[in-house]
Protein backbone atom coordinates (compact mmCIF):
# COMPACT_ATOMS: atom_id res chain seq x y z
CA MET A 1 121.05 97.42 88.31
CA THR A 2 122.13 100.84 89.50
CA THR A 3 120.16 103.17 91.73
CA GLY A 4 119.29 105.47 88.84
CA GLN A 5 117.52 102.63 87.05
CA THR A 6 115.46 101.45 90.03
CA ALA A 7 113.62 104.74 90.59
CA PRO A 8 111.40 104.50 87.47
CA VAL A 9 110.63 100.85 88.23
CA LEU A 10 109.69 101.74 91.80
CA ILE A 11 107.43 104.58 90.63
CA PHE A 12 105.63 102.31 88.15
CA GLY A 13 105.28 99.67 90.85
CA ILE A 14 103.73 102.16 93.26
CA LEU A 15 101.35 103.44 90.57
CA GLY A 16 100.32 99.91 89.63
CA PHE A 17 99.75 98.96 93.26
CA GLY A 18 97.66 102.10 93.83
CA ILE A 19 95.52 101.34 90.78
CA VAL A 20 94.88 97.78 91.98
CA ILE A 21 94.03 99.02 95.49
CA GLY A 22 91.71 101.66 94.00
CA ALA A 23 89.96 99.04 91.87
CA ILE A 24 89.39 96.83 94.92
CA ALA A 25 88.17 99.72 97.09
CA GLY A 26 85.94 101.02 94.27
CA TRP A 27 84.40 97.58 93.88
CA ILE A 28 83.70 97.42 97.62
CA THR A 29 82.21 100.93 97.84
CA GLY A 30 80.49 100.95 94.45
CA THR A 31 82.48 103.93 93.18
CA GLU A 32 82.17 103.95 89.40
CA SER A 33 84.55 106.77 88.46
CA TRP A 34 87.92 105.31 87.47
CA GLY A 35 89.55 108.68 88.11
CA LYS A 36 88.40 108.61 91.72
CA ARG A 37 89.37 104.95 92.04
CA ILE A 38 92.91 105.63 90.86
CA GLY A 39 93.34 108.85 92.86
CA TYR A 40 91.91 107.51 96.10
CA GLY A 41 93.69 104.21 95.56
CA LEU A 42 97.04 106.00 95.38
CA LEU A 43 96.31 108.31 98.32
CA GLY A 44 94.75 105.60 100.46
CA SER A 45 97.55 103.22 99.61
CA PHE A 46 100.17 105.72 100.65
CA VAL A 47 98.55 106.97 103.85
CA GLY A 48 96.67 103.87 105.02
CA GLY A 49 99.38 101.43 104.01
CA LEU A 50 102.13 103.46 105.59
CA LEU A 51 100.25 103.93 108.86
CA ALA A 52 99.18 100.29 109.11
CA SER A 53 102.67 99.02 108.37
CA LEU A 54 104.28 101.32 110.91
CA ILE A 55 101.67 100.57 113.61
CA ALA A 56 102.08 96.82 113.04
CA GLY A 57 105.84 97.21 113.33
CA ASP A 58 106.51 95.93 109.81
CA GLY A 59 108.40 99.03 108.75
CA LEU A 60 108.22 99.90 105.09
CA ALA A 61 108.28 96.34 103.79
CA LEU A 62 105.35 95.01 101.76
CA ARG A 63 103.36 92.99 104.27
CA PRO A 64 99.69 92.02 104.66
CA SER A 65 99.17 94.78 107.23
CA GLY A 66 100.19 97.39 104.68
CA ILE A 67 97.97 95.91 101.98
CA ILE A 68 94.97 95.82 104.31
CA GLY A 69 95.76 99.36 105.49
CA SER A 70 95.96 100.49 101.86
CA ILE A 71 92.53 99.10 101.06
CA VAL A 72 91.00 100.53 104.24
CA GLY A 73 92.55 103.93 103.55
CA ALA A 74 91.19 104.01 100.00
CA ILE A 75 87.74 102.89 101.17
CA LEU A 76 87.66 105.61 103.82
CA LEU A 77 88.59 108.27 101.28
CA MET A 78 85.87 107.07 98.89
CA LEU A 79 83.25 107.05 101.65
CA ILE A 80 84.26 110.54 102.79
CA ASP A 81 84.02 111.75 99.19
CA ARG A 82 80.55 110.20 98.86
CA ALA A 83 79.37 111.81 102.12
CA VAL A 84 80.69 115.24 101.14
CA SER A 85 79.26 114.97 97.61
CA SER A 86 75.81 113.91 98.81
CA ARG A 87 75.71 116.68 101.40
CA SER A 88 76.55 119.40 98.86
CA SER A 89 73.98 118.15 96.32
């Protein structure tokens, strides 16, 4: 496989992983909106997973520290959204 063919596969893999992480975090926090689950899953996965992997010294490889960091990042974003939404209502 050439480099030009791996980019779309990688993008779909990242999107799929973010959706799964968002579903798990939404289940934990009780977030019902699938749009928020997907969005916060992707953002939390990127930020939380990246930070946890780098802090643990795993680099950018897919390791348990990155998966846990991804879930924690998505949960934090969902809880922040809930706090901001309840304060403004």
